[in-house]
Amino acid sequence: MIISASYRTDIPAFYGRWFLNRFRAGWAKAVNPYGRQISTIALRSGVDGFVFWTRNPGPFRDALDEIRRAQLPFVVQCTLTGYPRALESSVIEVERSLALMAELAGRHGPRVVVWRYDPIVATSLTPLDWHEANFARLAERLEGVTDEVSVSFATLYRKTGRNLEVAARAHHFGWGDPSPDDKRALLRRLGERAAGHGIRLTLCSQPDLVGPGTLPSSCIDARRLEDVAAGWGLDRRISAKVKGNRPGCQCFESRDIGEYDTCPHGCVYCYAVGTRSLAKRRYAEHDPDSEFLLPPPWLEQAEAPPTLL
């Protein structure tokens, strides 16, 4: 079993102490965001590896070292976009992010780090030609640090559109959704820029835009985890099958231990947060000694853990 931690929130940046507590205990509880069922998920026994998602791996160094000592491979999906503060108000500075990604690769191997330039948001502050130049600068700096960059264009869900509109009024910019042809043209140029620095461009869950120089992403990738393990001198064979979370998703089957509406980074295009005020409130309510990242308010915590799944 592969553990995802987490595409619903930024555990390495904000919830590292909680994760380490649960890792040492060997299990965590998680709530299904749709049916609200509660599961107890093993974090050691039967675990093939971890995929972490973050904009700031710095606070998570010690946790990664401990996981490696337990001989469990991991991949860190590091989001770095370098957008204006009007779009992402509280993420760490680009130079700090670049340094941390290079540190991860140097410490644990280049197959550990996947760069996410995701999502691509088209605004009057970040038009498509701006993205090409911005992406090219970042790709140059990440040569040798990673061999993959995963991208996608922003999907304008209702909450995404609402948050973008609020930010647009506050910061006086326009936004929209480029045509499929314009998206494909940009992807082709980004792929060329990435390839020039030894990085392959992959596209997350948008198969209609796949074209020359662009491959579908497997953000949760069993084969990459096996490669990480091999780089550490471990022999791992992971039997997980591809089981995407949505149409076009090429991820391998995993269990996610995160919770929506808990990341206070403040990115206005984020799919996982309805409002930043809610995320900040829930972050403030977090108890690192809890079994849950954030317990459901209607549930009293059990005194003893049930059988691990």
C-alpha atoms as a PDB file:
ATOM      1  CA  MET A   1       0.000   0.000   0.000  1.00  0.00           C
ATOM      2  CA  ILE A   2       1.202   3.503  -0.891  1.00  0.00           C
ATOM      3  CA  ILE A   3       0.368   6.363   1.489  1.00  0.00           C
ATOM      4  CA  SER A   4      -0.423   9.816   0.071  1.00  0.00           C
ATOM      5  CA  ALA A   5       0.270  12.661   2.491  1.00  0.00           C
ATOM      6  CA  SER A   6      -1.482  14.559   1.121  1.00  0.00           C
ATOM      7  CA  TYR A   7      -3.080  16.013  -1.981  1.00  0.00           C
ATOM      8  CA  ARG A   8      -5.766  17.456   0.341  1.00  0.00           C
ATOM      9  CA  THR A   9      -3.378  19.617   2.395  1.00  0.00           C
ATOM     10  CA  ASP A  10       0.305  20.391   3.010  1.00  0.00           C
ATOM     11  CA  ILE A  11       1.342  17.961   5.728  1.00  0.00           C
ATOM     12  CA  PRO A  12       5.138  18.546   5.454  1.00  0.00           C
ATOM     13  CA  ALA A  13       4.776  22.325   5.819  1.00  0.00           C
ATOM     14  CA  PHE A  14       2.150  22.473   8.575  1.00  0.00           C
ATOM     15  CA  TYR A  15       1.489  19.073  10.116  1.00  0.00           C
ATOM     16  CA  GLY A  16       4.886  17.399  10.346  1.00  0.00           C
ATOM     17  CA  ARG A  17       4.777  16.865  14.108  1.00  0.00           C
ATOM     18  CA  TRP A  18       1.388  15.153  13.789  1.00  0.00           C
ATOM     19  CA  PHE A  19       2.646  12.926  10.991  1.00  0.00           C
ATOM     20  CA  LEU A  20       5.733  11.898  12.933  1.00  0.00           C
ATOM     21  CA  ASN A  21       3.612  11.069  15.979  1.00  0.00           C
ATOM     22  CA  ARG A  22       1.332   8.904  13.857  1.00  0.00           C
ATOM     23  CA  PHE A  23       4.250   7.300  12.008  1.00  0.00           C
ATOM     24  CA  ARG A  24       5.782   6.272  15.322  1.00  0.00           C
ATOM     25  CA  ALA A  25       2.430   4.921  16.468  1.00  0.00           C
ATOM     26  CA  GLY A  26       2.121   3.035  13.176  1.00  0.00           C
ATOM     27  CA  TRP A  27      -1.338   4.225  12.133  1.00  0.00           C
ATOM     28  CA  ALA A  28      -3.560   7.270  11.641  1.00  0.00           C
ATOM     29  CA  LYS A  29      -7.269   7.845  11.293  1.00  0.00           C
ATOM     30  CA  ALA A  30      -8.721   9.589   8.250  1.00  0.00           C
ATOM     31  CA  VAL A  31     -12.198  10.676   7.243  1.00  0.00           C
ATOM     32  CA  ASN A  32     -13.478  10.048   3.722  1.00  0.00           C
ATOM     33  CA  PRO A  33     -14.314  13.545   2.402  1.00  0.00           C
ATOM     34  CA  TYR A  34     -17.401  12.327   0.546  1.00  0.00           C
ATOM     35  CA  GLY A  35     -19.107   9.581   2.540  1.00  0.00           C
ATOM     36  CA  ARG A  36     -17.490  10.650   5.861  1.00  0.00           C
ATOM     37  CA  GLN A  37     -16.547   7.071   6.668  1.00  0.00           C
ATOM     38  CA  ILE A  38     -13.657   6.728   9.105  1.00  0.00           C
ATOM     39  CA  SER A  39     -10.685   4.474   8.355  1.00  0.00           C
ATOM     40  CA  THR A  40      -7.642   3.536  10.366  1.00  0.00           C
ATOM     41  CA  ILE A  41      -4.699   3.482   7.974  1.00  0.00           C
ATOM     42  CA  ALA A  42      -1.429   1.692   8.640  1.00  0.00           C
ATOM     43  CA  LEU A  43       1.678   3.860   8.338  1.00  0.00           C
ATOM     44  CA  ARG A  44       4.334   1.169   8.780  1.00  0.00           C
ATOM     45  CA  SER A  45       3.104  -2.431   8.511  1.00  0.00           C
ATOM     46  CA  GLY A  46       2.272  -3.291   4.905  1.00  0.00           C
ATOM     47  CA  VAL A  47       3.316   0.151   3.614  1.00  0.00           C
ATOM     48  CA  ASP A  48       5.278   0.174   0.330  1.00  0.00           C
ATOM     49  CA  GLY A  49       6.183   3.852   0.447  1.00  0.00           C
ATOM     50  CA  PHE A  50       4.979   7.425   0.805  1.00  0.00           C
ATOM     51  CA  VAL A  51       4.195  10.275  -1.570  1.00  0.00           C
ATOM     52  CA  PHE A  52       4.346  13.680   0.105  1.00  0.00           C
ATOM     53  CA  TRP A  53       2.925  16.875  -1.430  1.00  0.00           C
ATOM     54  CA  THR A  54       4.248  20.234  -0.278  1.00  0.00           C
ATOM     55  CA  ARG A  55       5.255  23.791  -1.015  1.00  0.00           C
ATOM     56  CA  ASN A  56       7.766  23.785   1.844  1.00  0.00           C
ATOM     57  CA  PRO A  57       9.635  20.586   2.758  1.00  0.00           C
ATOM     58  CA  GLY A  58      11.924  22.437   5.170  1.00  0.00           C
ATOM     59  CA  PRO A  59      10.049  21.650   8.413  1.00  0.00           C
ATOM     60  CA  PHE A  60       9.855  17.975   7.394  1.00  0.00           C
ATOM     61  CA  ARG A  61      13.576  17.144   7.197  1.00  0.00           C
ATOM     62  CA  ASP A  62      13.696  15.128  10.426  1.00  0.00           C
ATOM     63  CA  ALA A  63      10.563  13.186   9.529  1.00  0.00           C
ATOM     64  CA  LEU A  64      12.017  12.210   6.152  1.00  0.00           C
ATOM     65  CA  ASP A  65      15.232  11.071   7.809  1.00  0.00           C
ATOM     66  CA  GLU A  66      13.258   8.878  10.215  1.00  0.00           C
ATOM     67  CA  ILE A  67      11.164   7.376   7.419  1.00  0.00           C
ATOM     68  CA  ARG A  68      14.324   6.556   5.493  1.00  0.00           C
ATOM     69  CA  ARG A  69      15.834   4.897   8.566  1.00  0.00           C
ATOM     70  CA  ALA A  70      12.720   2.699   8.587  1.00  0.00           C
ATOM     71  CA  GLN A  71      13.674   1.727   4.994  1.00  0.00           C
ATOM     72  CA  LEU A  72      10.427   3.022   3.502  1.00  0.00           C
ATOM     73  CA  PRO A  73      10.950   4.887   0.212  1.00  0.00           C
ATOM     74  CA  PHE A  74       9.294   8.226  -0.418  1.00  0.00           C
ATOM     75  CA  VAL A  75       8.746  10.753  -3.178  1.00  0.00           C
ATOM     76  CA  VAL A  76       8.239  14.454  -2.494  1.00  0.00           C
ATOM     77  CA  GLN A  77       6.010  16.326  -4.923  1.00  0.00           C
ATOM     78  CA  CYS A  78       7.271  19.917  -4.531  1.00  0.00           C
ATOM     79  CA  THR A  79       5.033  22.653  -5.915  1.00  0.00           C
ATOM     80  CA  LEU A  80       6.993  25.677  -7.145  1.00  0.00           C
ATOM     81  CA  THR A  81       5.261  28.195  -9.396  1.00  0.00           C
ATOM     82  CA  GLY A  82       6.771  31.581  -8.556  1.00  0.00           C
ATOM     83  CA  TYR A  83       3.460  33.384  -9.071  1.00  0.00           C
ATOM     84  CA  PRO A  84       2.791  36.957  -7.904  1.00  0.00           C
ATOM     85  CA  ARG A  85       1.670  37.393  -4.291  1.00  0.00           C
ATOM     86  CA  ALA A  86      -1.803  38.340  -5.492  1.00  0.00           C
ATOM     87  CA  LEU A  87      -2.238  34.649  -6.395  1.00  0.00           C
ATOM     88  CA  GLU A  88      -0.247  32.923  -3.631  1.00  0.00           C
ATOM     89  CA  SER A  89       0.145  35.190  -0.651  1.00  0.00           C
ATOM     90  CA  SER A  90       1.979  33.065   1.889  1.00  0.00           C
ATOM     91  CA  VAL A  91       4.185  30.506   0.139  1.00  0.00           C
ATOM     92  CA  ILE A  92       7.927  30.533   0.761  1.00  0.00           C
ATOM     93  CA  GLU A  93      10.199  32.555  -1.511  1.00  0.00           C
ATOM     94  CA  VAL A  94      11.305  31.011  -4.799  1.00  0.00           C
ATOM     95  CA  GLU A  95      14.973  30.971  -3.798  1.00  0.00           C
ATOM     96  CA  ARG A  96      14.166  29.173  -0.560  1.00  0.00           C
ATOM     97  CA  SER A  97      12.086  26.594  -2.415  1.00  0.00           C
ATOM     98  CA  LEU A  98      14.839  25.985  -4.964  1.00  0.00           C
ATOM     99  CA  ALA A  99      17.390  25.520  -2.191  1.00  0.00           C
ATOM    100  CA  LEU A 100      15.192  23.049  -0.313  1.00  0.00           C
ATOM    101  CA  MET A 101      14.514  20.989  -3.432  1.00  0.00           C
ATOM    102  CA  ALA A 102      18.245  20.825  -4.171  1.00  0.00           C
ATOM    103  CA  GLU A 103      18.904  19.819  -0.561  1.00  0.00           C
ATOM    104  CA  LEU A 104      16.328  17.003  -0.795  1.00  0.00           C
ATOM    105  CA  ALA A 105      17.879  15.657  -3.980  1.00  0.00           C
ATOM    106  CA  GLY A 106      21.389  15.837  -2.544  1.00  0.00           C
ATOM    107  CA  ARG A 107      20.357  14.121   0.674  1.00  0.00           C
ATOM    108  CA  HIS A 108      18.015  11.419  -0.647  1.00  0.00           C
ATOM    109  CA  GLY A 109      18.618  11.173  -4.408  1.00  0.00           C
ATOM    110  CA  PRO A 110      17.253  12.978  -7.498  1.00  0.00           C
ATOM    111  CA  ARG A 111      14.417  10.459  -8.010  1.00  0.00           C
ATOM    112  CA  VAL A 112      12.922  11.633  -4.709  1.00  0.00           C
ATOM    113  CA  VAL A 113      12.011  15.098  -6.004  1.00  0.00           C
ATOM    114  CA  VAL A 114       9.223  15.803  -8.498  1.00  0.00           C
ATOM    115  CA  TRP A 115       8.655  19.443  -9.421  1.00  0.00           C
ATOM    116  CA  ARG A 116       5.022  20.550  -9.743  1.00  0.00           C
ATOM    117  CA  TYR A 117       4.377  23.637 -11.839  1.00  0.00           C
ATOM    118  CA  ASP A 118       0.729  23.241 -11.096  1.00  0.00           C
ATOM    119  CA  PRO A 119      -1.812  24.531 -11.760  1.00  0.00           C
ATOM    120  CA  ILE A 120      -1.091  26.867 -14.639  1.00  0.00           C
ATOM    121  CA  VAL A 121      -3.326  29.883 -14.015  1.00  0.00           C
ATOM    122  CA  ALA A 122      -3.955  32.327 -16.849  1.00  0.00           C
ATOM    123  CA  THR A 123      -4.425  35.888 -15.605  1.00  0.00           C
ATOM    124  CA  SER A 124      -3.442  39.350 -16.760  1.00  0.00           C
ATOM    125  CA  LEU A 125      -0.580  39.060 -14.229  1.00  0.00           C
ATOM    126  CA  THR A 126       0.437  35.636 -15.586  1.00  0.00           C
ATOM    127  CA  PRO A 127      -0.417  35.423 -19.309  1.00  0.00           C
ATOM    128  CA  LEU A 128       0.771  32.412 -21.268  1.00  0.00           C
ATOM    129  CA  ASP A 129       3.975  34.042 -22.525  1.00  0.00           C
ATOM    130  CA  TRP A 130       4.801  34.978 -18.904  1.00  0.00           C
ATOM    131  CA  HIS A 131       4.424  31.317 -17.957  1.00  0.00           C
ATOM    132  CA  GLU A 132       6.894  30.244 -20.619  1.00  0.00           C
ATOM    133  CA  ALA A 133       9.563  32.663 -19.401  1.00  0.00           C
ATOM    134  CA  ASN A 134       8.908  31.939 -15.716  1.00  0.00           C
ATOM    135  CA  PHE A 135       8.938  28.183 -16.265  1.00  0.00           C
ATOM    136  CA  ALA A 136      12.185  28.391 -18.254  1.00  0.00           C
ATOM    137  CA  ARG A 137      13.949  30.237 -15.407  1.00  0.00           C
ATOM    138  CA  LEU A 138      12.846  27.657 -12.864  1.00  0.00           C
ATOM    139  CA  ALA A 139      13.698  24.695 -15.102  1.00  0.00           C
ATOM    140  CA  GLU A 140      17.220  26.013 -15.567  1.00  0.00           C
ATOM    141  CA  ARG A 141      17.700  26.185 -11.800  1.00  0.00           C
ATOM    142  CA  LEU A 142      16.298  22.682 -11.281  1.00  0.00           C
ATOM    143  CA  GLU A 143      18.557  20.917 -13.767  1.00  0.00           C
ATOM    144  CA  GLY A 144      20.057  17.918 -11.961  1.00  0.00           C
ATOM    145  CA  VAL A 145      17.655  18.302  -9.029  1.00  0.00           C
ATOM    146  CA  THR A 146      14.707  16.526 -10.629  1.00  0.00           C
ATOM    147  CA  ASP A 147      13.955  14.605 -13.795  1.00  0.00           C
ATOM    148  CA  GLU A 148      10.202  15.361 -13.963  1.00  0.00           C
ATOM    149  CA  VAL A 149       7.882  18.335 -13.846  1.00  0.00           C
ATOM    150  CA  SER A 150       4.150  17.720 -13.529  1.00  0.00           C
ATOM    151  CA  VAL A 151       1.791  20.396 -14.838  1.00  0.00           C
ATOM    152  CA  SER A 152      -1.894  20.968 -15.463  1.00  0.00           C
ATOM    153  CA  PHE A 153      -4.097  23.906 -16.315  1.00  0.00           C
ATOM    154  CA  ALA A 154      -6.348  25.225 -13.574  1.00  0.00           C
ATOM    155  CA  THR A 155      -9.761  23.596 -13.479  1.00  0.00           C
ATOM    156  CA  LEU A 156     -12.184  26.379 -12.682  1.00  0.00           C
ATOM    157  CA  TYR A 157     -14.471  24.762 -10.125  1.00  0.00           C
ATOM    158  CA  ARG A 158     -17.105  26.990  -8.559  1.00  0.00           C
ATOM    159  CA  LYS A 159     -15.016  27.668  -5.443  1.00  0.00           C
ATOM    160  CA  THR A 160     -11.896  28.254  -7.572  1.00  0.00           C
ATOM    161  CA  GLY A 161     -13.695  30.800  -9.711  1.00  0.00           C
ATOM    162  CA  ARG A 162     -15.140  32.488  -6.630  1.00  0.00           C
ATOM    163  CA  ASN A 163     -11.745  32.815  -4.934  1.00  0.00           C
ATOM    164  CA  LEU A 164     -10.074  34.025  -8.119  1.00  0.00           C
ATOM    165  CA  GLU A 165     -12.782  36.639  -8.587  1.00  0.00           C
ATOM    166  CA  VAL A 166     -12.360  37.932  -5.025  1.00  0.00           C
ATOM    167  CA  ALA A 167      -8.589  38.204  -5.533  1.00  0.00           C
ATOM    168  CA  ALA A 168      -9.045  39.817  -8.965  1.00  0.00           C
ATOM    169  CA  ARG A 169     -11.198  42.578  -7.503  1.00  0.00           C
ATOM    170  CA  ALA A 170      -8.773  43.150  -4.644  1.00  0.00           C
ATOM    171  CA  HIS A 171      -5.647  43.211  -6.812  1.00  0.00           C
ATOM    172  CA  HIS A 172      -7.082  44.516 -10.092  1.00  0.00           C
ATOM    173  CA  PHE A 173      -6.306  41.700 -12.494  1.00  0.00           C
ATOM    174  CA  GLY A 174      -8.285  39.697 -14.999  1.00  0.00           C
ATOM    175  CA  TRP A 175      -8.406  35.939 -15.419  1.00  0.00           C
ATOM    176  CA  GLY A 176      -9.799  33.332 -17.777  1.00  0.00           C
ATOM    177  CA  ASP A 177      -9.478  29.886 -19.297  1.00  0.00           C
ATOM    178  CA  PRO A 178      -7.307  29.666 -22.454  1.00  0.00           C
ATOM    179  CA  SER A 179      -8.487  27.741 -25.487  1.00  0.00           C
ATOM    180  CA  PRO A 180      -7.394  24.090 -25.848  1.00  0.00           C
ATOM    181  CA  ASP A 181      -5.179  25.055 -28.800  1.00  0.00           C
ATOM    182  CA  ASP A 182      -3.439  27.749 -26.759  1.00  0.00           C
ATOM    183  CA  LYS A 183      -2.925  25.286 -23.929  1.00  0.00           C
ATOM    184  CA  ARG A 184      -1.423  22.678 -26.239  1.00  0.00           C
ATOM    185  CA  ALA A 185       0.889  25.257 -27.783  1.00  0.00           C
ATOM    186  CA  LEU A 186       2.155  26.335 -24.359  1.00  0.00           C
ATOM    187  CA  LEU A 187       2.645  22.721 -23.273  1.00  0.00           C
ATOM    188  CA  ARG A 188       4.734  22.071 -26.370  1.00  0.00           C
ATOM    189  CA  ARG A 189       6.973  25.043 -25.556  1.00  0.00           C
ATOM    190  CA  LEU A 190       7.239  24.094 -21.864  1.00  0.00           C
ATOM    191  CA  GLY A 191       8.159  20.539 -22.835  1.00  0.00           C
ATOM    192  CA  GLU A 192      10.976  21.833 -25.015  1.00  0.00           C
ATOM    193  CA  ARG A 193      12.228  24.105 -22.235  1.00  0.00           C
ATOM    194  CA  ALA A 194      12.127  21.272 -19.685  1.00  0.00           C
ATOM    195  CA  ALA A 195      13.854  18.765 -21.981  1.00  0.00           C
ATOM    196  CA  GLY A 196      16.716  21.198 -22.468  1.00  0.00           C
ATOM    197  CA  HIS A 197      17.499  20.747 -18.769  1.00  0.00           C
ATOM    198  CA  GLY A 198      17.020  16.985 -18.566  1.00  0.00           C
ATOM    199  CA  ILE A 199      13.473  17.230 -17.208  1.00  0.00           C
ATOM    200  CA  ARG A 200      10.477  15.503 -18.775  1.00  0.00           C
ATOM    201  CA  LEU A 201       7.134  17.275 -18.799  1.00  0.00           C
ATOM    202  CA  THR A 202       4.107  15.284 -17.630  1.00  0.00           C
ATOM    203  CA  LEU A 203       0.476  16.360 -17.591  1.00  0.00           C
ATOM    204  CA  CYS A 204      -1.831  15.618 -14.667  1.00  0.00           C
ATOM    205  CA  SER A 205      -5.329  14.287 -15.494  1.00  0.00           C
ATOM    206  CA  GLN A 206      -5.907  16.259 -18.705  1.00  0.00           C
ATOM    207  CA  PRO A 207      -5.549  13.586 -21.417  1.00  0.00           C
ATOM    208  CA  ASP A 208      -7.197  15.727 -24.098  1.00  0.00           C
ATOM    209  CA  LEU A 209      -4.155  18.053 -23.960  1.00  0.00           C
ATOM    210  CA  VAL A 210      -1.470  15.378 -24.240  1.00  0.00           C
ATOM    211  CA  GLY A 211       0.691  15.919 -27.322  1.00  0.00           C
ATOM    212  CA  PRO A 212       4.300  15.898 -28.542  1.00  0.00           C
ATOM    213  CA  GLY A 213       6.734  16.253 -25.659  1.00  0.00           C
ATOM    214  CA  THR A 214       4.039  15.710 -23.015  1.00  0.00           C
ATOM    215  CA  LEU A 215       3.293  12.445 -21.206  1.00  0.00           C
ATOM    216  CA  PRO A 216       0.488  11.649 -18.742  1.00  0.00           C
ATOM    217  CA  SER A 217       1.506  12.086 -15.089  1.00  0.00           C
ATOM    218  CA  SER A 218       1.552   9.346 -12.477  1.00  0.00           C
ATOM    219  CA  CYS A 219       1.815  11.596  -9.445  1.00  0.00           C
ATOM    220  CA  ILE A 220       1.622   8.534  -7.197  1.00  0.00           C
ATOM    221  CA  ASP A 221       4.137   6.367  -9.014  1.00  0.00           C
ATOM    222  CA  ALA A 222       5.037   2.888  -7.772  1.00  0.00           C
ATOM    223  CA  ARG A 223       7.906   2.601 -10.236  1.00  0.00           C
ATOM    224  CA  ARG A 224       9.508   5.832  -9.004  1.00  0.00           C
ATOM    225  CA  LEU A 225       9.244   4.594  -5.407  1.00  0.00           C
ATOM    226  CA  GLU A 226      11.009   1.393  -6.462  1.00  0.00           C
ATOM    227  CA  ASP A 227      13.765   3.478  -8.061  1.00  0.00           C
ATOM    228  CA  VAL A 228      14.158   5.529  -4.881  1.00  0.00           C
ATOM    229  CA  ALA A 229      14.478   2.334  -2.856  1.00  0.00           C
ATOM    230  CA  ALA A 230      17.062   0.958  -5.298  1.00  0.00           C
ATOM    231  CA  GLY A 231      19.071   4.154  -4.945  1.00  0.00           C
ATOM    232  CA  TRP A 232      19.176   3.507  -1.194  1.00  0.00           C
ATOM    233  CA  GLY A 233      20.357  -0.061  -1.745  1.00  0.00           C
ATOM    234  CA  LEU A 234      16.946  -1.610  -1.049  1.00  0.00           C
ATOM    235  CA  ASP A 235      15.097  -4.140  -3.177  1.00  0.00           C
ATOM    236  CA  ARG A 236      11.402  -3.196  -3.384  1.00  0.00           C
ATOM    237  CA  ARG A 237       8.712  -4.598  -5.661  1.00  0.00           C
ATOM    238  CA  ILE A 238       5.410  -2.761  -5.341  1.00  0.00           C
ATOM    239  CA  SER A 239       2.349  -4.621  -6.597  1.00  0.00           C
ATOM    240  CA  ALA A 240      -0.033  -1.621  -6.581  1.00  0.00           C
ATOM    241  CA  LYS A 241      -2.128  -1.135  -9.718  1.00  0.00           C
ATOM    242  CA  VAL A 242      -3.009   2.064 -11.537  1.00  0.00           C
ATOM    243  CA  LYS A 243      -6.249   3.315 -10.013  1.00  0.00           C
ATOM    244  CA  GLY A 244      -6.794   6.988 -10.765  1.00  0.00           C
ATOM    245  CA  ASN A 245      -8.849   9.356  -8.633  1.00  0.00           C
ATOM    246  CA  ARG A 246     -10.608  10.963 -11.614  1.00  0.00           C
ATOM    247  CA  PRO A 247     -10.821  10.545 -15.401  1.00  0.00           C
ATOM    248  CA  GLY A 248      -7.374  10.677 -16.970  1.00  0.00           C
ATOM    249  CA  CYS A 249      -5.544  10.131 -13.660  1.00  0.00           C
ATOM    250  CA  GLN A 250      -2.680   7.623 -13.980  1.00  0.00           C
ATOM    251  CA  CYS A 251      -1.856   7.379 -10.261  1.00  0.00           C
ATOM    252  CA  PHE A 252      -1.253   4.048  -8.602  1.00  0.00           C
ATOM    253  CA  GLU A 253      -3.652   3.013  -5.850  1.00  0.00           C
ATOM    254  CA  SER A 254      -3.009   4.747  -2.537  1.00  0.00           C
ATOM    255  CA  ARG A 255      -4.584   5.814   0.742  1.00  0.00           C
ATOM    256  CA  ASP A 256      -4.651   9.527   1.580  1.00  0.00           C
ATOM    257  CA  ILE A 257      -4.466  10.681   5.204  1.00  0.00           C
ATOM    258  CA  GLY A 258      -5.149  14.399   4.723  1.00  0.00           C
ATOM    259  CA  GLU A 259      -8.171  16.634   5.190  1.00  0.00           C
ATOM    260  CA  TYR A 260      -9.545  19.354   2.910  1.00  0.00           C
ATOM    261  CA  ASP A 261      -9.785  22.985   4.093  1.00  0.00           C
ATOM    262  CA  THR A 262      -6.733  22.742   6.347  1.00  0.00           C
ATOM    263  CA  CYS A 263      -3.930  24.356   4.301  1.00  0.00           C
ATOM    264  CA  PRO A 264      -3.415  28.047   5.235  1.00  0.00           C
ATOM    265  CA  HIS A 265      -0.985  28.886   2.404  1.00  0.00           C
ATOM    266  CA  GLY A 266      -3.592  31.166   0.804  1.00  0.00           C
ATOM    267  CA  CYS A 267      -3.252  30.207  -2.887  1.00  0.00           C
ATOM    268  CA  VAL A 268      -6.380  31.610  -4.509  1.00  0.00           C
ATOM    269  CA  TYR A 269      -6.476  28.893  -7.200  1.00  0.00           C
ATOM    270  CA  CYS A 270      -6.333  25.989  -4.708  1.00  0.00           C
ATOM    271  CA  TYR A 271      -8.827  23.151  -5.246  1.00  0.00           C
ATOM    272  CA  ALA A 272      -8.466  21.856  -1.685  1.00  0.00           C
ATOM    273  CA  VAL A 273      -9.548  24.999   0.186  1.00  0.00           C
ATOM    274  CA  GLY A 274     -12.950  26.657   0.086  1.00  0.00           C
ATOM    275  CA  THR A 275     -11.880  29.824   1.925  1.00  0.00           C
ATOM    276  CA  ARG A 276      -8.585  30.719   3.545  1.00  0.00           C
ATOM    277  CA  SER A 277     -10.361  31.889   6.706  1.00  0.00           C
ATOM    278  CA  LEU A 278     -11.802  28.401   7.172  1.00  0.00           C
ATOM    279  CA  ALA A 279      -8.409  26.779   6.527  1.00  0.00           C
ATOM    280  CA  LYS A 280      -6.708  29.068   9.044  1.00  0.00           C
ATOM    281  CA  ARG A 281      -9.363  28.338  11.664  1.00  0.00           C
ATOM    282  CA  ARG A 282      -9.076  24.595  11.173  1.00  0.00           C
ATOM    283  CA  TYR A 283      -5.279  24.798  11.259  1.00  0.00           C
ATOM    284  CA  ALA A 284      -5.545  26.607  14.601  1.00  0.00           C
ATOM    285  CA  GLU A 285      -7.806  23.814  15.895  1.00  0.00           C
ATOM    286  CA  HIS A 286      -5.325  21.088  14.940  1.00  0.00           C
ATOM    287  CA  ASP A 287      -3.988  18.897  17.729  1.00  0.00           C
ATOM    288  CA  PRO A 288      -0.687  17.189  16.800  1.00  0.00           C
ATOM    289  CA  ASP A 289      -1.373  14.491  19.406  1.00  0.00           C
ATOM    290  CA  SER A 290      -4.708  13.513  17.844  1.00  0.00           C
ATOM    291  CA  GLU A 291      -5.296  10.293  15.931  1.00  0.00           C
ATOM    292  CA  PHE A 292      -6.838  12.427  13.145  1.00  0.00           C
ATOM    293  CA  LEU A 293      -5.241  15.325  11.324  1.00  0.00           C
ATOM    294  CA  LEU A 294      -8.522  17.039  12.199  1.00  0.00           C
ATOM    295  CA  PRO A 295     -11.173  15.005  14.030  1.00  0.00           C
ATOM    296  CA  PRO A 296     -14.757  15.306  12.784  1.00  0.00           C
ATOM    297  CA  PRO A 297     -16.697  17.386  15.335  1.00  0.00           C
ATOM    298  CA  TRP A 298     -19.432  14.762  15.636  1.00  0.00           C
ATOM    299  CA  LEU A 299     -17.124  11.953  16.711  1.00  0.00           C
ATOM    300  CA  GLU A 300     -15.672  11.151  20.108  1.00  0.00           C
ATOM    301  CA  GLN A 301     -12.243   9.623  19.781  1.00  0.00           C
ATOM    302  CA  ALA A 302     -11.997   5.899  20.374  1.00  0.00           C
ATOM    303  CA  GLU A 303      -9.914   4.738  23.318  1.00  0.00           C
ATOM    304  CA  ALA A 304      -8.158   2.032  21.313  1.00  0.00           C
ATOM    305  CA  PRO A 305      -7.335   1.732  17.609  1.00  0.00           C
ATOM    306  CA  PRO A 306      -9.417  -0.688  15.536  1.00  0.00           C
ATOM    307  CA  THR A 307      -7.892  -3.200  13.148  1.00  0.00           C
ATOM    308  CA  LEU A 308      -5.597  -1.568  10.612  1.00  0.00           C
ATOM    309  CA  LEU A 309      -6.696  -1.446   6.971  1.00  0.00           C
END
